PDB file of N, CA and C in Angstrom:
ATOM      1  N   MET A   1      -2.146 -21.647 -68.384  1.00  0.00           N
ATOM      2  CA  MET A   1      -1.835 -20.714 -67.308  1.00  0.00           C
ATOM      3  C   MET A   1      -2.285 -19.315 -67.734  1.00  0.00           C
ATOM      4  N   ASN A   2      -3.125 -18.699 -66.933  1.00  0.00           N
ATOM      5  CA  ASN A   2      -3.634 -17.356 -67.215  1.00  0.00           C
ATOM      6  C   ASN A   2      -2.879 -16.327 -66.393  1.00  0.00           C
ATOM      7  N   ASP A   3      -2.746 -15.136 -66.958  1.00  0.00           N
ATOM      8  CA  ASP A   3      -2.071 -14.021 -66.301  1.00  0.00           C
ATOM      9  C   ASP A   3      -3.066 -12.870 -66.238  1.00  0.00           C
ATOM     10  N   VAL A   4      -3.432 -12.446 -65.011  1.00  0.00           N
ATOM     11  CA  VAL A   4      -4.496 -11.458 -64.806  1.00  0.00           C
ATOM     12  C   VAL A   4      -4.031 -10.392 -63.827  1.00  0.00           C
ATOM     13  N   ILE A   5      -4.393  -9.143 -64.113  1.00  0.00           N
ATOM     14  CA  ILE A   5      -4.225  -8.053 -63.152  1.00  0.00           C
ATOM     15  C   ILE A   5      -5.603  -7.763 -62.568  1.00  0.00           C
ATOM     16  N   MET A   6      -5.697  -7.764 -61.252  1.00  0.00           N
ATOM     17  CA  MET A   6      -6.985  -7.547 -60.575  1.00  0.00           C
ATOM     18  C   MET A   6      -6.864  -6.360 -59.619  1.00  0.00           C
ATOM     19  N   ALA A   7      -7.884  -5.503 -59.650  1.00  0.00           N
ATOM     20  CA  ALA A   7      -7.989  -4.402 -58.696  1.00  0.00           C
ATOM     21  C   ALA A   7      -9.140  -4.711 -57.750  1.00  0.00           C
ATOM     22  N   VAL A   8      -8.870  -4.636 -56.459  1.00  0.00           N
ATOM     23  CA  VAL A   8      -9.883  -4.863 -55.429  1.00  0.00           C
ATOM     24  C   VAL A   8     -10.058  -3.539 -54.694  1.00  0.00           C
ATOM     25  N   ILE A   9     -11.267  -3.018 -54.704  1.00  0.00           N
ATOM     26  CA  ILE A   9     -11.564  -1.736 -54.061  1.00  0.00           C
ATOM     27  C   ILE A   9     -12.426  -2.024 -52.839  1.00  0.00           C
ATOM     28  N   ILE A  10     -11.962  -1.578 -51.689  1.00  0.00           N
ATOM     29  CA  ILE A  10     -12.659  -1.828 -50.425  1.00  0.00           C
ATOM     30  C   ILE A  10     -13.193  -0.492 -49.912  1.00  0.00           C
ATOM     31  N   ASP A  11     -14.502  -0.391 -49.775  1.00  0.00           N
ATOM     32  CA  ASP A  11     -15.117   0.872 -49.363  1.00  0.00           C
ATOM     33  C   ASP A  11     -14.997   1.137 -47.865  1.00  0.00           C
ATOM     34  N   LYS A  12     -14.895   0.112 -47.057  1.00  0.00           N
ATOM     35  CA  LYS A  12     -14.754   0.315 -45.616  1.00  0.00           C
ATOM     36  C   LYS A  12     -13.788  -0.737 -45.085  1.00  0.00           C
ATOM     37  N   ARG A  13     -12.506  -0.361 -45.041  1.00  0.00           N
ATOM     38  CA  ARG A  13     -11.446  -1.307 -44.689  1.00  0.00           C
ATOM     39  C   ARG A  13     -11.640  -1.945 -43.324  1.00  0.00           C
ATOM     40  N   SER A  14     -12.058  -1.177 -42.333  1.00  0.00           N
ATOM     41  CA  SER A  14     -12.156  -1.729 -40.978  1.00  0.00           C
ATOM     42  C   SER A  14     -13.185  -2.854 -40.896  1.00  0.00           C
ATOM     43  N   THR A  15     -14.172  -2.828 -41.783  1.00  0.00           N
ATOM     44  CA  THR A  15     -15.203  -3.863 -41.793  1.00  0.00           C
ATOM     45  C   THR A  15     -14.837  -5.023 -42.717  1.00  0.00           C
ATOM     46  N   ALA A  16     -14.427  -4.719 -43.933  1.00  0.00           N
ATOM     47  CA  ALA A  16     -14.251  -5.748 -44.964  1.00  0.00           C
ATOM     48  C   ALA A  16     -12.853  -6.360 -45.024  1.00  0.00           C
ATOM     49  N   ALA A  17     -11.833  -5.649 -44.582  1.00  0.00           N
ATOM     50  CA  ALA A  17     -10.455  -6.106 -44.768  1.00  0.00           C
ATOM     51  C   ALA A  17     -10.156  -7.478 -44.160  1.00  0.00           C
ATOM     52  N   PRO A  18     -10.634  -7.802 -42.970  1.00  0.00           N
ATOM     53  CA  PRO A  18     -10.315  -9.136 -42.434  1.00  0.00           C
ATOM     54  C   PRO A  18     -10.816 -10.281 -43.316  1.00  0.00           C
ATOM     55  N   THR A  19     -12.013 -10.145 -43.860  1.00  0.00           N
ATOM     56  CA  THR A  19     -12.545 -11.191 -44.730  1.00  0.00           C
ATOM     57  C   THR A  19     -11.797 -11.220 -46.056  1.00  0.00           C
ATOM     58  N   VAL A  20     -11.490 -10.060 -46.607  1.00  0.00           N
ATOM     59  CA  VAL A  20     -10.702  -9.992 -47.844  1.00  0.00           C
ATOM     60  C   VAL A  20      -9.353 -10.670 -47.628  1.00  0.00           C
ATOM     61  N   GLN A  21      -8.700 -10.384 -46.514  1.00  0.00           N
ATOM     62  CA  GLN A  21      -7.410 -10.988 -46.217  1.00  0.00           C
ATOM     63  C   GLN A  21      -7.514 -12.510 -46.134  1.00  0.00           C
ATOM     64  N   GLN A  22      -8.558 -13.002 -45.505  1.00  0.00           N
ATOM     65  CA  GLN A  22      -8.759 -14.446 -45.376  1.00  0.00           C
ATOM     66  C   GLN A  22      -8.913 -15.091 -46.760  1.00  0.00           C
ATOM     67  N   ILE A  23      -9.681 -14.461 -47.634  1.00  0.00           N
ATOM     68  CA  ILE A  23      -9.867 -14.983 -48.990  1.00  0.00           C
ATOM     69  C   ILE A  23      -8.553 -14.954 -49.758  1.00  0.00           C
ATOM     70  N   LEU A  24      -7.822 -13.849 -49.675  1.00  0.00           N
ATOM     71  CA  LEU A  24      -6.550 -13.755 -50.392  1.00  0.00           C
ATOM     72  C   LEU A  24      -5.544 -14.795 -49.897  1.00  0.00           C
ATOM     73  N   THR A  25      -5.560 -15.076 -48.621  1.00  0.00           N
ATOM     74  CA  THR A  25      -4.680 -16.113 -48.078  1.00  0.00           C
ATOM     75  C   THR A  25      -5.019 -17.473 -48.669  1.00  0.00           C
ATOM     76  N   THR A  26      -6.302 -17.749 -48.810  1.00  0.00           N
ATOM     77  CA  THR A  26      -6.747 -19.013 -49.403  1.00  0.00           C
ATOM     78  C   THR A  26      -6.231 -19.179 -50.829  1.00  0.00           C
ATOM     79  N   TYR A  27      -6.149 -18.082 -51.554  1.00  0.00           N
ATOM     80  CA  TYR A  27      -5.724 -18.118 -52.954  1.00  0.00           C
ATOM     81  C   TYR A  27      -4.275 -17.657 -53.130  1.00  0.00           C
ATOM     82  N   GLY A  28      -3.503 -17.703 -52.080  1.00  0.00           N
ATOM     83  CA  GLY A  28      -2.122 -17.234 -52.125  1.00  0.00           C
ATOM     84  C   GLY A  28      -1.260 -17.930 -53.158  1.00  0.00           C
ATOM     85  N   ASP A  29      -1.602 -19.156 -53.509  1.00  0.00           N
ATOM     86  CA  ASP A  29      -0.803 -19.908 -54.480  1.00  0.00           C
ATOM     87  C   ASP A  29      -0.904 -19.351 -55.894  1.00  0.00           C
ATOM     88  N   ILE A  30      -1.922 -18.530 -56.196  1.00  0.00           N
ATOM     89  CA  ILE A  30      -2.021 -17.942 -57.535  1.00  0.00           C
ATOM     90  C   ILE A  30      -1.708 -16.443 -57.535  1.00  0.00           C
ATOM     91  N   ILE A  31      -1.386 -15.885 -56.376  1.00  0.00           N
ATOM     92  CA  ILE A  31      -1.039 -14.465 -56.287  1.00  0.00           C
ATOM     93  C   ILE A  31       0.465 -14.331 -56.448  1.00  0.00           C
ATOM     94  N   ASN A  32       0.861 -13.717 -57.567  1.00  0.00           N
ATOM     95  CA  ASN A  32       2.275 -13.520 -57.855  1.00  0.00           C
ATOM     96  C   ASN A  32       2.778 -12.198 -57.269  1.00  0.00           C
ATOM     97  N   PHE A  33       1.898 -11.204 -57.211  1.00  0.00           N
ATOM     98  CA  PHE A  33       2.266  -9.866 -56.756  1.00  0.00           C
ATOM     99  C   PHE A  33       1.053  -9.227 -56.094  1.00  0.00           C
ATOM    100  N   ARG A  34       1.297  -8.509 -55.004  1.00  0.00           N
ATOM    101  CA  ARG A  34       0.219  -7.822 -54.287  1.00  0.00           C
ATOM    102  C   ARG A  34       0.712  -6.461 -53.827  1.00  0.00           C
ATOM    103  N   LEU A  35      -0.105  -5.438 -54.066  1.00  0.00           N
ATOM    104  CA  LEU A  35       0.208  -4.084 -53.630  1.00  0.00           C
ATOM    105  C   LEU A  35      -1.055  -3.480 -53.041  1.00  0.00           C
ATOM    106  N   GLY A  36      -1.011  -3.098 -51.789  1.00  0.00           N
ATOM    107  CA  GLY A  36      -2.162  -2.501 -51.132  1.00  0.00           C
ATOM    108  C   GLY A  36      -1.868  -1.075 -50.728  1.00  0.00           C
ATOM    109  N   PHE A  37      -2.866  -0.197 -50.855  1.00  0.00           N
ATOM    110  CA  PHE A  37      -2.668   1.195 -50.461  1.00  0.00           C
ATOM    111  C   PHE A  37      -3.999   1.855 -50.137  1.00  0.00           C
ATOM    112  N   HIS A  38      -3.933   2.964 -49.432  1.00  0.00           N
ATOM    113  CA  HIS A  38      -5.095   3.792 -49.175  1.00  0.00           C
ATOM    114  C   HIS A  38      -4.656   5.239 -49.255  1.00  0.00           C
ATOM    115  N   ASP A  39      -5.597   6.140 -49.439  1.00  0.00           N
ATOM    116  CA  ASP A  39      -5.311   7.553 -49.665  1.00  0.00           C
ATOM    117  C   ASP A  39      -5.313   8.313 -48.346  1.00  0.00           C
ATOM    118  N   LEU A  40      -4.134   8.638 -47.867  1.00  0.00           N
ATOM    119  CA  LEU A  40      -4.033   9.399 -46.622  1.00  0.00           C
ATOM    120  C   LEU A  40      -4.345  10.877 -46.801  1.00  0.00           C
ATOM    121  N   HIS A  41      -4.435  11.344 -48.041  1.00  0.00           N
ATOM    122  CA  HIS A  41      -4.734  12.751 -48.283  1.00  0.00           C
ATOM    123  C   HIS A  41      -6.160  13.111 -47.890  1.00  0.00           C
ATOM    124  N   GLN A  42      -7.008  12.118 -47.728  1.00  0.00           N
ATOM    125  CA  GLN A  42      -8.381  12.384 -47.320  1.00  0.00           C
ATOM    126  C   GLN A  42      -8.524  12.393 -45.803  1.00  0.00           C
ATOM    127  N   GLY A  43      -7.441  12.243 -45.083  1.00  0.00           N
ATOM    128  CA  GLY A  43      -7.478  12.282 -43.630  1.00  0.00           C
ATOM    129  C   GLY A  43      -7.395  10.895 -43.009  1.00  0.00           C
ATOM    130  N   GLU A  44      -7.151  10.866 -41.726  1.00  0.00           N
ATOM    131  CA  GLU A  44      -6.966   9.614 -41.008  1.00  0.00           C
ATOM    132  C   GLU A  44      -8.225   8.763 -40.957  1.00  0.00           C
ATOM    133  N   THR A  45      -9.374   9.360 -41.139  1.00  0.00           N
ATOM    134  CA  THR A  45     -10.619   8.607 -41.064  1.00  0.00           C
ATOM    135  C   THR A  45     -10.999   7.963 -42.401  1.00  0.00           C
ATOM    136  N   ASN A  46     -10.168   8.116 -43.407  1.00  0.00           N
ATOM    137  CA  ASN A  46     -10.451   7.514 -44.711  1.00  0.00           C
ATOM    138  C   ASN A  46     -10.492   5.994 -44.585  1.00  0.00           C
ATOM    139  N   GLU A  47     -11.586   5.401 -44.974  1.00  0.00           N
ATOM    140  CA  GLU A  47     -11.779   3.953 -44.853  1.00  0.00           C
ATOM    141  C   GLU A  47     -11.616   3.227 -46.182  1.00  0.00           C
ATOM    142  N   ASN A  48     -11.315   3.945 -47.253  1.00  0.00           N
ATOM    143  CA  ASN A  48     -11.186   3.319 -48.557  1.00  0.00           C
ATOM    144  C   ASN A  48      -9.802   2.721 -48.741  1.00  0.00           C
ATOM    145  N   GLY A  49      -9.750   1.589 -49.426  1.00  0.00           N
ATOM    146  CA  GLY A  49      -8.479   0.957 -49.711  1.00  0.00           C
ATOM    147  C   GLY A  49      -8.519   0.269 -51.064  1.00  0.00           C
ATOM    148  N   GLN A  50      -7.356   0.089 -51.646  1.00  0.00           N
ATOM    149  CA  GLN A  50      -7.237  -0.591 -52.914  1.00  0.00           C
ATOM    150  C   GLN A  50      -6.135  -1.634 -52.814  1.00  0.00           C
ATOM    151  N   ILE A  51      -6.334  -2.737 -53.512  1.00  0.00           N
ATOM    152  CA  ILE A  51      -5.324  -3.781 -53.606  1.00  0.00           C
ATOM    153  C   ILE A  51      -5.177  -4.130 -55.077  1.00  0.00           C
ATOM    154  N   LEU A  52      -3.956  -4.123 -55.564  1.00  0.00           N
ATOM    155  CA  LEU A  52      -3.667  -4.586 -56.915  1.00  0.00           C
ATOM    156  C   LEU A  52      -3.004  -5.952 -56.817  1.00  0.00           C
ATOM    157  N   LEU A  53      -3.478  -6.886 -57.628  1.00  0.00           N
ATOM    158  CA  LEU A  53      -2.945  -8.246 -57.629  1.00  0.00           C
ATOM    159  C   LEU A  53      -2.537  -8.636 -59.035  1.00  0.00           C
ATOM    160  N   GLN A  54      -1.430  -9.339 -59.141  1.00  0.00           N
ATOM    161  CA  GLN A  54      -1.111 -10.026 -60.375  1.00  0.00           C
ATOM    162  C   GLN A  54      -1.320 -11.501 -60.089  1.00  0.00           C
ATOM    163  N   LEU A  55      -2.225 -12.116 -60.837  1.00  0.00           N
ATOM    164  CA  LEU A  55      -2.595 -13.505 -60.622  1.00  0.00           C
ATOM    165  C   LEU A  55      -2.060 -14.354 -61.767  1.00  0.00           C
ATOM    166  N   ARG A  56      -1.581 -15.526 -61.436  1.00  0.00           N
ATOM    167  CA  ARG A  56      -1.126 -16.468 -62.451  1.00  0.00           C
ATOM    168  C   ARG A  56      -1.627 -17.846 -62.062  1.00  0.00           C
ATOM    169  N   GLY A  57      -2.526 -18.403 -62.878  1.00  0.00           N
ATOM    170  CA  GLY A  57      -3.066 -19.709 -62.554  1.00  0.00           C
ATOM    171  C   GLY A  57      -4.162 -20.131 -63.514  1.00  0.00           C
ATOM    172  N   GLU A  58      -4.845 -21.182 -63.152  1.00  0.00           N
ATOM    173  CA  GLU A  58      -5.932 -21.705 -63.970  1.00  0.00           C
ATOM    174  C   GLU A  58      -7.126 -20.740 -63.937  1.00  0.00           C
ATOM    175  N   ALA A  59      -7.794 -20.629 -65.072  1.00  0.00           N
ATOM    176  CA  ALA A  59      -8.925 -19.703 -65.202  1.00  0.00           C
ATOM    177  C   ALA A  59     -10.008 -19.984 -64.162  1.00  0.00           C
ATOM    178  N   ALA A  60     -10.283 -21.250 -63.909  1.00  0.00           N
ATOM    179  CA  ALA A  60     -11.339 -21.604 -62.951  1.00  0.00           C
ATOM    180  C   ALA A  60     -11.003 -21.107 -61.552  1.00  0.00           C
ATOM    181  N   ARG A  61      -9.756 -21.195 -61.162  1.00  0.00           N
ATOM    182  CA  ARG A  61      -9.344 -20.749 -59.821  1.00  0.00           C
ATOM    183  C   ARG A  61      -9.406 -19.219 -59.724  1.00  0.00           C
ATOM    184  N   ILE A  62      -8.982 -18.537 -60.763  1.00  0.00           N
ATOM    185  CA  ILE A  62      -9.052 -17.071 -60.781  1.00  0.00           C
ATOM    186  C   ILE A  62     -10.511 -16.625 -60.763  1.00  0.00           C
ATOM    187  N   ASP A  63     -11.360 -17.308 -61.509  1.00  0.00           N
ATOM    188  CA  ASP A  63     -12.789 -16.984 -61.513  1.00  0.00           C
ATOM    189  C   ASP A  63     -13.412 -17.186 -60.131  1.00  0.00           C
ATOM    190  N   GLN A  64     -13.004 -18.233 -59.440  1.00  0.00           N
ATOM    191  CA  GLN A  64     -13.551 -18.492 -58.097  1.00  0.00           C
ATOM    192  C   GLN A  64     -13.124 -17.393 -57.119  1.00  0.00           C
ATOM    193  N   LEU A  65     -11.875 -16.964 -57.203  1.00  0.00           N
ATOM    194  CA  LEU A  65     -11.403 -15.852 -56.360  1.00  0.00           C
ATOM    195  C   LEU A  65     -12.232 -14.603 -56.646  1.00  0.00           C
ATOM    196  N   THR A  66     -12.438 -14.318 -57.912  1.00  0.00           N
ATOM    197  CA  THR A  66     -13.237 -13.148 -58.307  1.00  0.00           C
ATOM    198  C   THR A  66     -14.643 -13.228 -57.726  1.00  0.00           C
ATOM    199  N   LYS A  67     -15.268 -14.391 -57.823  1.00  0.00           N
ATOM    200  CA  LYS A  67     -16.629 -14.567 -57.300  1.00  0.00           C
ATOM    201  C   LYS A  67     -16.683 -14.380 -55.794  1.00  0.00           C
ATOM    202  N   GLU A  68     -15.712 -14.933 -55.078  1.00  0.00           N
ATOM    203  CA  GLU A  68     -15.720 -14.811 -53.612  1.00  0.00           C
ATOM    204  C   GLU A  68     -15.536 -13.368 -53.168  1.00  0.00           C
ATOM    205  N   LEU A  69     -14.627 -12.646 -53.813  1.00  0.00           N
ATOM    206  CA  LEU A  69     -14.408 -11.250 -53.445  1.00  0.00           C
ATOM    207  C   LEU A  69     -15.610 -10.388 -53.833  1.00  0.00           C
ATOM    208  N   SER A  70     -16.155 -10.626 -55.021  1.00  0.00           N
ATOM    209  CA  SER A  70     -17.294  -9.833 -55.510  1.00  0.00           C
ATOM    210  C   SER A  70     -18.548 -10.041 -54.672  1.00  0.00           C
ATOM    211  N   ALA A  71     -18.648 -11.179 -54.017  1.00  0.00           N
ATOM    212  CA  ALA A  71     -19.830 -11.472 -53.193  1.00  0.00           C
ATOM    213  C   ALA A  71     -19.851 -10.680 -51.891  1.00  0.00           C
ATOM    214  N   LEU A  72     -18.736 -10.076 -51.525  1.00  0.00           N
ATOM    215  CA  LEU A  72     -18.653  -9.326 -50.268  1.00  0.00           C
ATOM    216  C   LEU A  72     -19.262  -7.937 -50.418  1.00  0.00           C
ATOM    217  N   ASP A  73     -20.019  -7.520 -49.410  1.00  0.00           N
ATOM    218  CA  ASP A  73     -20.484  -6.140 -49.363  1.00  0.00           C
ATOM    219  C   ASP A  73     -19.262  -5.243 -49.208  1.00  0.00           C
ATOM    220  N   LEU A  74     -19.323  -4.067 -49.763  1.00  0.00           N
ATOM    221  CA  LEU A  74     -18.272  -3.053 -49.641  1.00  0.00           C
ATOM    222  C   LEU A  74     -17.024  -3.354 -50.456  1.00  0.00           C
ATOM    223  N   VAL A  75     -17.054  -4.385 -51.308  1.00  0.00           N
ATOM    224  CA  VAL A  75     -15.878  -4.762 -52.115  1.00  0.00           C
ATOM    225  C   VAL A  75     -16.277  -4.787 -53.585  1.00  0.00           C
ATOM    226  N   LYS A  76     -15.443  -4.143 -54.425  1.00  0.00           N
ATOM    227  CA  LYS A  76     -15.624  -4.168 -55.878  1.00  0.00           C
ATOM    228  C   LYS A  76     -14.370  -4.775 -56.492  1.00  0.00           C
ATOM    229  N   VAL A  77     -14.566  -5.512 -57.566  1.00  0.00           N
ATOM    230  CA  VAL A  77     -13.447  -6.196 -58.226  1.00  0.00           C
ATOM    231  C   VAL A  77     -13.476  -5.893 -59.716  1.00  0.00           C
ATOM    232  N   LYS A  78     -12.347  -5.519 -60.260  1.00  0.00           N
ATOM    233  CA  LYS A  78     -12.178  -5.318 -61.708  1.00  0.00           C
ATOM    234  C   LYS A  78     -10.907  -6.048 -62.090  1.00  0.00           C
ATOM    235  N   SER A  79     -10.908  -6.654 -63.279  1.00  0.00           N
ATOM    236  CA  SER A  79      -9.687  -7.342 -63.706  1.00  0.00           C
ATOM    237  C   SER A  79      -9.537  -7.288 -65.215  1.00  0.00           C
ATOM    238  N   MET A  80      -8.314  -7.535 -65.647  1.00  0.00           N
ATOM    239  CA  MET A  80      -8.026  -7.617 -67.077  1.00  0.00           C
ATOM    240  C   MET A  80      -7.029  -8.738 -67.297  1.00  0.00           C
ATOM    241  N   SER A  81      -7.235  -9.440 -68.387  1.00  0.00           N
ATOM    242  CA  SER A  81      -6.364 -10.570 -68.732  1.00  0.00           C
ATOM    243  C   SER A  81      -5.175 -10.053 -69.529  1.00  0.00           C
ATOM    244  N   LEU A  82      -4.008 -10.595 -69.256  1.00  0.00           N
ATOM    245  CA  LEU A  82      -2.816 -10.209 -69.995  1.00  0.00           C
ATOM    246  C   LEU A  82      -2.454 -11.234 -71.062  1.00  0.00           C
ATOM    247  N   ASP A  83      -3.346 -12.209 -71.269  1.00  0.00           N
ATOM    248  CA  ASP A  83      -3.098 -13.232 -72.286  1.00  0.00           C
ATOM    249  C   ASP A  83      -3.352 -12.692 -73.672  1.00  0.00           C
TER     250      ASP A  83
END
């Protein structure tokens, strides 16, 4: 069982968020914690968003989630293992 913290950065939420949400729903069984936020200090038109995830599961499943999210335009993924 692997324990990973993942940051998902979305450059244009109105475009990418629905697909990101669909992918995260698919992998909901390995998501232990999720925190999403965006910076309102840049004004109402700010399209940037961030999601922090704590993942717990098999390495292959976490790697597949990473690949699916990273394949999306406007989405960046960074993670670190807590093992």
